[in-house]
N, C-alpha and C. Protein backbone atom coordinates (compact mmCIF):
# COMPACT_ATOMS: atom_id res chain seq x y z
N UNK A 1 10.15 20.90 6.21
CA UNK A 1 10.40 21.15 4.53
C UNK A 1 9.44 19.74 4.42
N UNK A 2 8.13 20.13 3.48
CA UNK A 2 7.53 19.05 2.47
C UNK A 2 8.25 18.24 1.42
N UNK A 3 7.54 17.27 1.11
CA UNK A 3 8.10 16.61 -0.43
C UNK A 3 7.29 15.72 -0.58
N UNK A 4 7.17 15.44 -1.81
CA UNK A 4 6.47 14.25 -2.77
C UNK A 4 6.68 13.20 -2.84
N UNK A 5 5.98 12.16 -2.34
CA UNK A 5 6.22 10.71 -2.11
C UNK A 5 5.46 10.31 -3.08
N UNK A 6 5.86 9.40 -3.84
CA UNK A 6 5.30 8.45 -5.35
C UNK A 6 6.06 7.31 -5.55
N UNK A 7 5.20 6.05 -5.44
CA UNK A 7 6.07 4.65 -5.31
C UNK A 7 5.04 3.76 -6.23
N UNK A 8 5.64 2.68 -6.72
CA UNK A 8 4.95 1.68 -7.27
C UNK A 8 5.38 0.68 -6.73
N UNK A 9 4.50 -0.31 -6.04
CA UNK A 9 4.96 -1.38 -5.37
C UNK A 9 4.19 -2.32 -6.10
N UNK A 10 5.57 -3.65 -5.85
CA UNK A 10 5.24 -4.62 -7.21
C UNK A 10 4.39 -5.74 -5.54
N UNK A 11 3.63 -6.37 -5.72
CA UNK A 11 3.03 -7.20 -4.94
C UNK A 11 3.41 -8.57 -4.39
N UNK A 12 3.74 -9.29 -3.82
CA UNK A 12 4.27 -10.87 -3.58
C UNK A 12 3.50 -11.52 -2.83
N UNK A 13 3.49 -12.91 -3.00
CA UNK A 13 2.49 -13.59 -2.55
C UNK A 13 2.40 -13.74 -1.05
N UNK A 14 3.68 -13.33 -0.42
CA UNK A 14 3.87 -12.98 0.83
C UNK A 14 4.17 -11.84 1.81
N UNK A 15 3.09 -11.60 2.86
CA UNK A 15 2.97 -9.95 3.44
C UNK A 15 4.55 -9.56 3.09
N UNK A 16 4.76 -8.24 3.05
CA UNK A 16 5.90 -7.54 3.16
C UNK A 16 5.64 -5.74 3.23
N UNK A 17 6.36 -5.21 3.71
CA UNK A 17 6.08 -3.82 4.44
C UNK A 17 6.02 -2.86 3.08
N UNK A 18 5.04 -1.74 3.12
CA UNK A 18 5.34 -0.55 1.70
C UNK A 18 6.40 0.20 1.69
N UNK A 19 6.96 0.05 2.86
CA UNK A 19 8.48 0.45 3.21
C UNK A 19 9.21 -0.24 4.07
N UNK A 20 10.74 -0.40 3.61
CA UNK A 20 11.83 -1.25 4.69
C UNK A 20 12.05 -0.46 5.92
N UNK A 21 12.23 0.75 5.86
CA UNK A 21 11.86 1.66 7.36
C UNK A 21 11.12 2.44 6.79
N UNK A 22 11.22 3.02 8.57
CA UNK A 22 10.02 4.28 8.88
C UNK A 22 9.74 5.15 8.28
N UNK A 23 8.70 5.50 7.35
CA UNK A 23 8.87 6.15 6.51
C UNK A 23 6.82 7.22 6.64
N UNK A 24 6.82 8.19 7.65
CA UNK A 24 5.48 8.67 7.59
C UNK A 24 5.43 9.75 6.57
N UNK A 25 3.97 9.62 6.09
CA UNK A 25 3.54 10.38 5.61
C UNK A 25 1.95 10.15 5.36
N UNK A 26 1.29 11.30 4.62
CA UNK A 26 -0.17 11.45 3.98
C UNK A 26 -0.54 10.65 2.44
N UNK A 27 -0.49 9.92 2.34
CA UNK A 27 -0.76 9.26 1.29
C UNK A 27 -1.70 7.95 0.89
N UNK A 28 -1.85 8.47 -0.22
CA UNK A 28 -3.23 7.70 -1.03
C UNK A 28 -2.72 6.32 -1.69
N UNK A 29 -3.51 5.33 -1.06
CA UNK A 29 -3.02 3.72 -1.60
C UNK A 29 -3.93 3.76 -2.11
N UNK A 30 -3.78 3.11 -3.60
CA UNK A 30 -4.27 2.47 -4.34
C UNK A 30 -3.87 1.34 -5.17
N UNK A 31 -5.15 0.18 -5.68
CA UNK A 31 -4.49 -0.81 -6.28
C UNK A 31 -5.31 -0.69 -7.55
N UNK A 32 -4.44 -0.75 -8.86
CA UNK A 32 -4.72 -0.30 -9.88
C UNK A 32 -5.96 -1.10 -10.61
N UNK A 33 -7.05 -0.97 -11.49
CA UNK A 33 -7.72 -1.42 -12.13
C UNK A 33 -7.51 -2.37 -13.01
N UNK A 34 -6.28 -2.38 -13.62
CA UNK A 34 -5.59 -3.70 -14.61
C UNK A 34 -5.22 -4.93 -13.23
N UNK A 35 -4.83 -4.52 -11.59
CA UNK A 35 -4.45 -6.04 -10.85
C UNK A 35 -5.66 -6.90 -11.69
N UNK A 36 -5.20 -8.25 -11.34
CA UNK A 36 -5.95 -9.33 -11.68
C UNK A 36 -6.57 -10.16 -10.51
N UNK A 37 -6.02 -9.39 -9.12
CA UNK A 37 -6.68 -9.98 -8.26
C UNK A 37 -7.02 -8.94 -7.17
N UNK A 38 -7.82 -9.15 -5.90
CA UNK A 38 -7.84 -8.60 -4.30
C UNK A 38 -6.18 -8.44 -3.95
N UNK A 39 -5.91 -7.30 -3.58
CA UNK A 39 -4.50 -7.38 -2.71
C UNK A 39 -4.75 -7.46 -1.24
N UNK A 40 -4.31 -8.40 -0.70
CA UNK A 40 -4.64 -8.11 0.97
C UNK A 40 -3.77 -7.36 1.52
N UNK A 41 -3.99 -6.37 2.69
CA UNK A 41 -3.92 -5.65 3.41
C UNK A 41 -3.61 -6.78 4.96
N UNK A 42 -2.51 -6.57 5.83
CA UNK A 42 -2.72 -7.38 6.80
C UNK A 42 -3.26 -5.98 8.12
N UNK A 43 -4.90 -6.71 8.37
CA UNK A 43 -5.54 -5.80 9.50
C UNK A 43 -4.78 -5.71 10.53
N UNK A 44 -5.19 -4.73 11.82
CA UNK A 44 -4.57 -4.41 12.81
C UNK A 44 -4.81 -5.67 13.56
N UNK A 45 -5.36 -6.76 13.51
CA UNK A 45 -5.65 -8.04 13.99
C UNK A 45 -5.31 -9.42 13.60
N UNK A 46 -4.43 -8.92 11.90
CA UNK A 46 -3.88 -10.11 11.71
C UNK A 46 -4.61 -11.07 10.72
N UNK A 47 -5.52 -10.53 10.16
CA UNK A 47 -6.76 -10.74 9.36
C UNK A 47 -6.41 -10.14 8.31
N UNK A 48 -6.74 -10.49 7.11
CA UNK A 48 -6.39 -10.23 5.45
C UNK A 48 -7.86 -9.31 5.63
N UNK A 49 -7.18 -8.43 4.68
CA UNK A 49 -8.36 -7.34 4.77
C UNK A 49 -8.34 -6.75 2.60
N UNK A 50 -8.95 -7.52 1.94
CA UNK A 50 -9.06 -7.32 0.62
C UNK A 50 -9.43 -6.16 0.13
N UNK A 51 -8.20 -5.41 -0.87
CA UNK A 51 -8.62 -4.43 -1.47
C UNK A 51 -9.14 -4.87 -2.93
N UNK A 52 -9.91 -4.19 -3.34
CA UNK A 52 -10.52 -4.99 -5.11
C UNK A 52 -9.47 -3.68 -5.88
N UNK A 53 -9.35 -4.67 -7.05
CA UNK A 53 -8.79 -3.60 -8.13
C UNK A 53 -9.24 -2.50 -8.34
N UNK A 54 -9.00 -1.59 -8.34
CA UNK A 54 -9.43 0.16 -8.55
C UNK A 54 -9.87 0.57 -7.15
N UNK A 55 -9.63 0.05 -6.00
CA UNK A 55 -10.00 0.24 -4.89
C UNK A 55 -8.67 1.37 -4.52
N UNK A 56 -9.13 2.39 -3.79
CA UNK A 56 -8.18 3.29 -3.13
C UNK A 56 -8.40 4.24 -2.04
N UNK A 57 -7.67 4.43 -1.25
CA UNK A 57 -8.21 5.17 0.01
C UNK A 57 -6.98 6.26 0.89
N UNK A 58 -7.23 7.07 1.76
CA UNK A 58 -6.12 7.97 1.47
C UNK A 58 -6.31 8.34 3.26
N UNK A 59 -4.49 7.73 3.70
CA UNK A 59 -4.56 8.04 5.07
C UNK A 59 -3.42 8.85 5.44
N UNK A 60 -3.53 9.39 7.04
CA UNK A 60 -2.86 10.53 6.80
C UNK A 60 -1.99 10.19 7.89
N UNK A 61 -0.99 10.98 7.83
CA UNK A 61 -0.02 10.43 8.51
C UNK A 61 0.34 9.20 9.29
N UNK A 62 0.63 8.02 8.27
CA UNK A 62 1.02 6.49 8.31
C UNK A 62 2.63 6.70 8.46
N UNK A 63 2.62 5.30 9.22
CA UNK A 63 4.15 4.48 9.00
C UNK A 63 3.98 3.52 7.99
N UNK A 64 4.48 3.71 6.57
CA UNK A 64 4.50 2.82 5.50
C UNK A 64 4.72 1.77 5.96
N UNK A 65 6.13 1.38 6.83
CA UNK A 65 6.41 0.30 6.92
C UNK A 65 5.98 -0.43 8.18
N UNK A 66 4.68 0.24 8.70
CA UNK A 66 3.54 -0.85 9.23
C UNK A 66 2.24 -1.50 8.61
N UNK A 67 2.48 -1.20 7.45
CA UNK A 67 1.64 -1.39 6.69
C UNK A 67 2.20 -2.72 5.61
N UNK A 68 1.21 -3.80 5.36
CA UNK A 68 1.74 -5.32 4.94
C UNK A 68 0.45 -5.10 3.94
N UNK A 69 1.02 -6.20 2.89
CA UNK A 69 0.56 -6.35 1.84
C UNK A 69 0.98 -7.96 0.50
N UNK A 70 -0.36 -8.39 0.44
CA UNK A 70 0.39 -9.40 -0.46
C UNK A 70 -0.75 -9.69 -1.69
N UNK A 71 -0.43 -10.92 -2.49
CA UNK A 71 -1.44 -10.80 -2.91
C UNK A 71 -0.99 -11.44 -4.53
N UNK A 72 -1.59 -11.45 -5.34
CA UNK A 72 -0.94 -11.87 -6.73
C UNK A 72 -0.01 -11.45 -7.56
N UNK A 73 0.96 -12.36 -7.22
CA UNK A 73 2.53 -11.65 -8.24
C UNK A 73 2.40 -10.83 -9.71
N UNK A 74 2.65 -9.90 -10.28
CA UNK A 74 2.44 -8.98 -10.98
C UNK A 74 1.69 -8.19 -10.69
N UNK A 75 0.53 -8.10 -9.71
CA UNK A 75 -0.05 -6.90 -9.27
C UNK A 75 0.54 -5.93 -8.88
N UNK A 76 -0.17 -4.45 -8.44
CA UNK A 76 1.65 -3.73 -7.91
C UNK A 76 -0.15 -2.53 -6.71
N UNK A 77 0.33 -2.02 -5.82
CA UNK A 77 -0.07 -1.07 -5.48
C UNK A 77 0.77 0.29 -5.78
N UNK A 78 -0.10 1.39 -5.73
CA UNK A 78 0.22 3.00 -5.82
C UNK A 78 0.52 3.52 -4.62
N UNK A 79 1.31 4.22 -4.27
CA UNK A 79 1.19 5.28 -3.30
C UNK A 79 1.52 6.67 -3.43
N UNK A 80 0.98 7.84 -3.81
CA UNK A 80 0.76 8.95 -4.14
C UNK A 80 0.70 9.82 -2.62
N UNK A 81 2.01 10.53 -2.29
CA UNK A 81 1.28 11.37 -1.59
C UNK A 81 2.76 12.71 -0.83
N UNK A 82 2.36 12.76 0.42
CA UNK A 82 3.53 13.71 0.82
C UNK A 82 3.97 13.91 2.64
N UNK A 83 4.84 14.72 2.63
CA UNK A 83 5.24 15.00 4.12
C UNK A 83 4.55 16.14 4.57
N UNK A 84 3.48 16.39 4.08
CA UNK A 84 2.62 17.83 4.35
C UNK A 84 1.92 17.01 5.53
């Protein structure tokens, strides 16, 4: 069964996963244009990977619990996708 997945994640100053438990979806992750600063995604090698305000990418079949973000408190990340 397919389901729609939509969330707004509030960014914190320390790394936190996009989902608390295993959540495998195909999803467009975006940093809204109204964000004050870059949002940092934790790279596979532990490095900070900055996404600027307005940047977005579609990821296929990813576990959101494995993706961690941090940034300026008050900024957000949006997730739109599903289990198809």
